[in-house]
Amino acid sequence: MTARRSTAYKGITLSIETWTAADAEKALKKSHVNRNFRAYQAEKYATDMRNNDWGLADSVIAFDTRGYLVNGYHRMTAQVMTGKSATWSVMRNVPVGAQDDLDQGMVRTLPDMLSYMGINNAQLAGATLKLIANIMDNGMTHARSKLSVQQLLKVLSDYPEIKTAVDVATAYRKNSATPIAPSVLGAAHWMITEVNGANDATQFIERVCELTGEKPGSPVLALSKRVNEAKRNRVRLTQRDGLAAIIKTYNADKQGKVVQRVTLFPKSNKMTDFELPAVKPNR
């Protein structure tokens, strides 16, 4: 271990240290866990470490006056899992029982990070980004993806067109003729963009939200009627159901089909039996 800087305050010391995985394992052998261990949280941290997305954490690794690790159990576990070295803020000689006061600050959420990056409508951007990441991760066959904030930001970096999808969804978040969640509209825009380009995606989502010039038999009009009917009957439209309905509508529209009614729900309630339809490419 290499101490880079150290200060003392009433017996408590704080230093910036680079630890090996062996150092982390040694700390875990004398630990006092003050919260339930969450394996998925340790795995999130480990994934970031493996991908070299882990920076200097803003929460300390803390030891009490007995030398027990009282804050940082998940991070130490992740470091052991990866076998990598990491740099930590390390606090020692904290009073016994003080772990309840540690790590109580507000954690930076995904919207916080997006807002810091200058992205408007960070809350909607975050919801859309999570939905798109879920599509990439498992095709929405599971309720949610367990990607970390850093992994989600990497998705945004790799797919900058997501920002356009968010902008389009934001434009209709309060005045869409078809009441589908903006995050779902944004995810559908992204799916169409990936196959047929942003212009095609934007034009279609605009039609879904505005219904301008749609004639009887239009798949877009059938979708809007069906979703509004569900809303009137207080039937909850899940993200995957809404997304599947939009893509089915898009495909039918591209094929020039006449559609009177759009099916919103899969026949099976099992997520593993449900797959999102693929966007058909333009010919």
Protein backbone atom coordinates (compact mmCIF):
# COMPACT_ATOMS: atom_id res chain seq x y z
CA MET A 1 0.00 0.00 0.00
CA THR A 2 1.24 3.46 -0.88
CA ALA A 3 -0.04 6.43 1.12
CA ARG A 4 -0.15 9.57 -1.00
CA ARG A 5 -1.53 12.13 1.41
CA SER A 6 -2.59 11.98 5.04
CA THR A 7 -4.25 14.32 7.52
CA ALA A 8 -5.33 13.77 11.13
CA TYR A 9 -8.30 15.08 13.12
CA LYS A 10 -8.83 13.97 16.72
CA GLY A 11 -7.15 10.62 16.05
CA ILE A 12 -8.90 10.02 12.75
CA THR A 13 -6.63 9.83 9.72
CA LEU A 14 -7.57 10.20 6.08
CA SER A 15 -5.29 9.15 3.23
CA ILE A 16 -5.37 8.37 -0.48
CA GLU A 17 -3.99 4.88 -0.99
CA THR A 18 -3.49 2.44 -3.85
CA TRP A 19 -4.45 -1.09 -2.85
CA THR A 20 -3.88 -4.44 -4.49
CA ALA A 21 -6.54 -7.15 -4.46
CA ALA A 22 -4.54 -8.82 -1.68
CA ASP A 23 -4.88 -5.66 0.43
CA ALA A 24 -8.65 -5.70 -0.13
CA GLU A 25 -8.86 -9.38 0.81
CA LYS A 26 -6.94 -8.69 4.02
CA ALA A 27 -9.40 -5.90 4.91
CA LEU A 28 -12.37 -8.20 4.32
CA LYS A 29 -11.00 -10.77 6.76
CA LYS A 30 -11.52 -8.26 9.56
CA SER A 31 -14.76 -6.57 8.67
CA HIS A 32 -17.96 -5.50 10.29
CA VAL A 33 -20.76 -5.26 7.73
CA ASN A 34 -23.27 -2.59 8.70
CA ARG A 35 -25.76 -3.32 5.92
CA ASN A 36 -27.06 -6.39 4.11
CA PHE A 37 -24.63 -7.67 1.52
CA ARG A 38 -25.94 -7.20 -2.01
CA ALA A 39 -24.17 -9.48 -4.48
CA TYR A 40 -25.53 -7.56 -7.47
CA GLN A 41 -24.00 -4.33 -6.12
CA ALA A 42 -20.58 -5.92 -5.77
CA GLU A 43 -20.91 -7.31 -9.30
CA LYS A 44 -21.76 -3.83 -10.65
CA TYR A 45 -18.61 -2.44 -9.06
CA ALA A 46 -16.58 -5.39 -10.33
CA THR A 47 -17.82 -4.89 -13.88
CA ASP A 48 -16.76 -1.24 -13.81
CA MET A 49 -13.34 -2.24 -12.48
CA ARG A 50 -12.90 -4.88 -15.18
CA ASN A 51 -13.83 -2.34 -17.84
CA ASN A 52 -11.45 0.26 -16.37
CA ASP A 53 -14.45 2.55 -15.73
CA TRP A 54 -13.75 2.81 -12.01
CA GLY A 55 -12.28 6.09 -10.78
CA LEU A 56 -11.56 7.43 -7.30
CA ALA A 57 -14.74 6.82 -5.30
CA ASP A 58 -16.13 9.75 -3.33
CA SER A 59 -17.08 7.52 -0.39
CA VAL A 60 -14.34 6.46 2.04
CA ILE A 61 -13.09 3.03 2.96
CA ALA A 62 -13.28 3.22 6.76
CA PHE A 63 -11.77 1.31 9.68
CA ASP A 64 -12.75 1.80 13.31
CA THR A 65 -10.44 2.03 16.30
CA ARG A 66 -10.34 -1.78 16.54
CA GLY A 67 -9.13 -2.04 12.94
CA TYR A 68 -12.44 -3.40 11.66
CA LEU A 69 -13.55 -2.48 8.13
CA VAL A 70 -16.84 -0.63 8.70
CA ASN A 71 -17.42 0.97 5.29
CA GLY A 72 -16.54 -0.35 1.84
CA TYR A 73 -17.41 -4.03 2.04
CA HIS A 74 -18.98 -4.16 -1.45
CA ARG A 75 -16.07 -2.30 -3.03
CA MET A 76 -13.48 -4.52 -1.34
CA THR A 77 -15.42 -7.59 -2.48
CA ALA A 78 -15.48 -6.28 -6.05
CA GLN A 79 -11.74 -5.65 -5.97
CA VAL A 80 -11.08 -9.21 -4.82
CA MET A 81 -13.40 -10.51 -7.56
CA THR A 82 -11.42 -8.69 -10.24
CA GLY A 83 -7.92 -9.07 -8.85
CA LYS A 84 -7.21 -5.46 -9.83
CA SER A 85 -5.52 -2.65 -7.95
CA ALA A 86 -7.56 0.42 -7.07
CA THR A 87 -7.12 3.79 -5.40
CA TRP A 88 -9.21 4.58 -2.33
CA SER A 89 -9.83 7.34 0.18
CA VAL A 90 -9.08 5.52 3.45
CA MET A 91 -10.23 6.71 6.89
CA ARG A 92 -8.88 5.07 10.03
CA ASN A 93 -9.60 5.22 13.76
CA VAL A 94 -13.23 6.20 13.42
CA PRO A 95 -15.17 5.64 16.67
CA VAL A 96 -16.81 2.26 17.15
CA GLY A 97 -20.41 2.50 15.97
CA ALA A 98 -19.72 5.45 13.68
CA GLN A 99 -20.41 3.35 10.59
CA ASP A 100 -24.04 4.41 10.78
CA ASP A 101 -22.93 7.96 10.01
CA LEU A 102 -20.75 7.01 7.06
CA ASP A 103 -21.81 7.01 3.41
CA GLN A 104 -25.03 8.88 4.15
CA GLY A 105 -24.62 11.55 1.48
CA MET A 106 -26.78 11.67 -1.62
CA VAL A 107 -25.47 9.22 -4.22
CA ARG A 108 -25.02 10.74 -7.67
CA THR A 109 -27.82 9.26 -9.75
CA LEU A 110 -27.84 8.74 -13.50
CA PRO A 111 -29.90 11.93 -14.05
CA ASP A 112 -27.39 13.82 -11.87
CA MET A 113 -24.54 12.66 -14.09
CA LEU A 114 -26.44 13.40 -17.30
CA SER A 115 -27.31 16.87 -16.08
CA TYR A 116 -23.66 17.47 -15.16
CA MET A 117 -22.76 16.48 -18.75
CA GLY A 118 -25.06 19.24 -20.03
CA ILE A 119 -27.85 16.96 -21.25
CA ASN A 120 -31.27 18.58 -21.02
CA ASN A 121 -34.25 16.73 -19.54
CA ALA A 122 -31.89 14.49 -17.59
CA GLN A 123 -34.69 12.56 -15.87
CA LEU A 124 -36.26 11.56 -19.18
CA ALA A 125 -32.84 10.98 -20.73
CA GLY A 126 -31.97 8.63 -17.88
CA ALA A 127 -35.22 6.65 -18.19
CA THR A 128 -34.77 6.34 -21.95
CA LEU A 129 -31.14 5.33 -21.61
CA LYS A 130 -32.00 2.63 -19.06
CA LEU A 131 -34.71 1.27 -21.34
CA ILE A 132 -32.39 1.16 -24.36
CA ALA A 133 -29.68 -0.51 -22.28
CA ASN A 134 -32.21 -3.11 -21.18
CA ILE A 135 -33.06 -3.79 -24.82
CA MET A 136 -29.37 -4.25 -25.62
CA ASP A 137 -28.70 -6.34 -22.53
CA ASN A 138 -31.50 -8.88 -22.68
CA GLY A 139 -34.07 -7.82 -25.29
CA MET A 140 -36.39 -6.86 -22.41
CA THR A 141 -36.94 -10.51 -21.50
CA HIS A 142 -36.20 -9.45 -17.91
CA ALA A 143 -37.80 -6.66 -15.91
CA ARG A 144 -34.68 -4.52 -15.81
CA SER A 145 -31.01 -4.44 -16.59
CA LYS A 146 -28.58 -4.26 -13.65
CA LEU A 147 -26.06 -2.04 -15.42
CA SER A 148 -24.16 0.48 -13.31
CA VAL A 149 -24.24 4.21 -13.91
CA GLN A 150 -20.81 4.01 -15.53
CA GLN A 151 -21.96 1.27 -17.87
CA LEU A 152 -25.03 3.28 -18.82
CA LEU A 153 -22.89 6.33 -19.56
CA LYS A 154 -20.70 4.15 -21.78
CA VAL A 155 -23.82 3.09 -23.71
CA LEU A 156 -24.60 6.76 -24.26
CA SER A 157 -21.03 7.39 -25.40
CA ASP A 158 -21.14 4.46 -27.83
CA TYR A 159 -24.57 5.43 -29.19
CA PRO A 160 -24.75 9.25 -29.35
CA GLU A 161 -27.92 8.98 -31.45
CA ILE A 162 -29.70 8.26 -28.17
CA LYS A 163 -29.57 12.01 -27.52
CA THR A 164 -31.67 12.61 -30.65
CA ALA A 165 -34.14 9.98 -29.48
CA VAL A 166 -34.46 11.78 -26.15
CA ASP A 167 -34.99 15.15 -27.86
CA VAL A 168 -37.81 13.74 -29.98
CA ALA A 169 -39.45 12.06 -26.99
CA THR A 170 -39.13 15.25 -24.94
CA ALA A 171 -40.92 17.27 -27.59
CA TYR A 172 -44.06 15.15 -27.08
CA ARG A 173 -43.92 14.36 -23.38
CA LYS A 174 -46.97 16.53 -22.63
CA ASN A 175 -48.86 16.87 -25.90
CA SER A 176 -48.91 13.52 -27.65
CA ALA A 177 -52.18 12.33 -29.19
CA THR A 178 -51.02 8.79 -28.41
CA PRO A 179 -50.42 8.43 -24.64
CA ILE A 180 -47.27 6.34 -24.58
CA ALA A 181 -44.49 7.04 -22.08
CA PRO A 182 -41.84 9.40 -23.52
CA SER A 183 -39.07 6.96 -22.61
CA VAL A 184 -40.79 4.30 -24.71
CA LEU A 185 -41.13 6.72 -27.62
CA GLY A 186 -37.43 7.50 -27.27
CA ALA A 187 -36.46 3.82 -27.19
CA ALA A 188 -38.59 3.13 -30.26
CA HIS A 189 -36.94 6.06 -32.03
CA TRP A 190 -33.54 4.57 -31.25
CA MET A 191 -34.53 1.09 -32.48
CA ILE A 192 -35.79 2.48 -35.78
CA THR A 193 -32.73 4.74 -36.13
CA GLU A 194 -30.39 1.78 -35.79
CA VAL A 195 -31.99 0.12 -38.83
CA ASN A 196 -33.41 2.88 -41.04
CA GLY A 197 -31.85 6.13 -39.83
CA ALA A 198 -32.84 9.05 -37.62
CA ASN A 199 -34.95 10.88 -40.23
CA ASP A 200 -37.19 7.87 -40.74
CA ALA A 201 -37.48 7.38 -36.98
CA THR A 202 -38.33 11.01 -36.31
CA GLN A 203 -40.98 11.17 -39.02
CA PHE A 204 -42.67 8.05 -37.71
CA ILE A 205 -42.69 9.10 -34.05
CA GLU A 206 -44.08 12.49 -35.10
CA ARG A 207 -46.92 10.72 -36.90
CA VAL A 208 -47.63 8.59 -33.83
CA CYS A 209 -47.80 11.68 -31.62
CA GLU A 210 -49.56 14.11 -33.97
CA LEU A 211 -51.86 11.87 -36.12
CA THR A 212 -51.86 14.55 -38.81
CA GLY A 213 -53.35 13.27 -42.05
CA GLU A 214 -53.78 9.69 -40.87
CA LYS A 215 -56.62 7.92 -42.72
CA PRO A 216 -58.87 5.02 -41.67
CA GLY A 217 -56.90 1.79 -41.89
CA SER A 218 -53.65 3.52 -41.00
CA PRO A 219 -51.64 1.39 -38.55
CA VAL A 220 -50.60 4.60 -36.79
CA LEU A 221 -54.22 5.58 -36.23
CA ALA A 222 -55.07 2.05 -35.05
CA LEU A 223 -52.25 2.21 -32.51
CA SER A 224 -53.42 5.54 -31.14
CA LYS A 225 -57.00 4.35 -30.80
CA ARG A 226 -55.93 1.20 -29.00
CA VAL A 227 -53.63 2.98 -26.55
CA ASN A 228 -56.24 5.65 -25.78
CA GLU A 229 -58.79 2.89 -25.23
CA ALA A 230 -56.47 1.22 -22.73
CA LYS A 231 -55.98 4.54 -20.96
CA ARG A 232 -59.73 5.13 -20.68
CA ASN A 233 -60.17 1.65 -19.25
CA ARG A 234 -57.26 2.23 -16.84
CA VAL A 235 -55.31 -0.66 -18.30
CA ARG A 236 -51.60 -0.29 -17.55
CA LEU A 237 -49.38 -0.39 -20.61
CA THR A 238 -45.94 -1.70 -19.69
CA GLN A 239 -42.81 -0.44 -21.39
CA ARG A 240 -42.25 -3.62 -23.33
CA ASP A 241 -45.88 -3.83 -24.43
CA GLY A 242 -45.82 -0.23 -25.63
CA LEU A 243 -42.48 -0.67 -27.39
CA ALA A 244 -43.60 -3.88 -29.10
CA ALA A 245 -46.81 -2.21 -30.25
CA ILE A 246 -44.91 0.75 -31.74
CA ILE A 247 -42.49 -1.49 -33.66
CA LYS A 248 -45.31 -3.73 -34.93
CA THR A 249 -47.13 -0.59 -36.07
CA TYR A 250 -44.01 0.73 -37.78
CA ASN A 251 -43.47 -2.54 -39.64
CA ALA A 252 -47.10 -2.74 -40.73
CA ASP A 253 -47.01 0.86 -41.92
CA LYS A 254 -43.85 0.23 -43.95
CA GLN A 255 -45.53 -2.75 -45.59
CA GLY A 256 -48.58 -0.65 -46.49
CA LYS A 257 -50.95 -2.81 -44.47
CA VAL A 258 -54.46 -1.78 -43.52
CA VAL A 259 -54.86 -2.20 -39.76
CA GLN A 260 -58.01 -1.68 -37.74
CA ARG A 261 -56.74 -2.79 -34.34
CA VAL A 262 -53.31 -3.22 -32.75
CA THR A 263 -52.67 -5.97 -30.19
CA LEU A 264 -50.93 -4.56 -27.13
CA PHE A 265 -50.22 -7.60 -25.03
CA PRO A 266 -48.43 -10.91 -25.70
CA LYS A 267 -50.42 -14.12 -25.32
CA SER A 268 -48.11 -15.36 -22.58
CA ASN A 269 -47.46 -13.48 -19.37
CA LYS A 270 -44.01 -15.05 -19.06
CA MET A 271 -41.25 -12.61 -19.93
CA THR A 272 -39.06 -15.37 -21.31
CA ASP A 273 -41.77 -16.16 -23.87
CA PHE A 274 -41.88 -12.58 -25.10
CA GLU A 275 -39.50 -11.12 -27.65
CA LEU A 276 -39.54 -7.64 -29.07
CA PRO A 277 -40.26 -7.57 -32.79
CA ALA A 278 -37.34 -6.55 -34.97
CA VAL A 279 -37.52 -3.35 -37.02
CA LYS A 280 -37.87 -4.24 -40.70
CA PRO A 281 -35.30 -2.51 -42.93
CA ASN A 282 -36.40 -0.20 -45.72
CA ARG A 283 -36.27 -1.77 -49.15
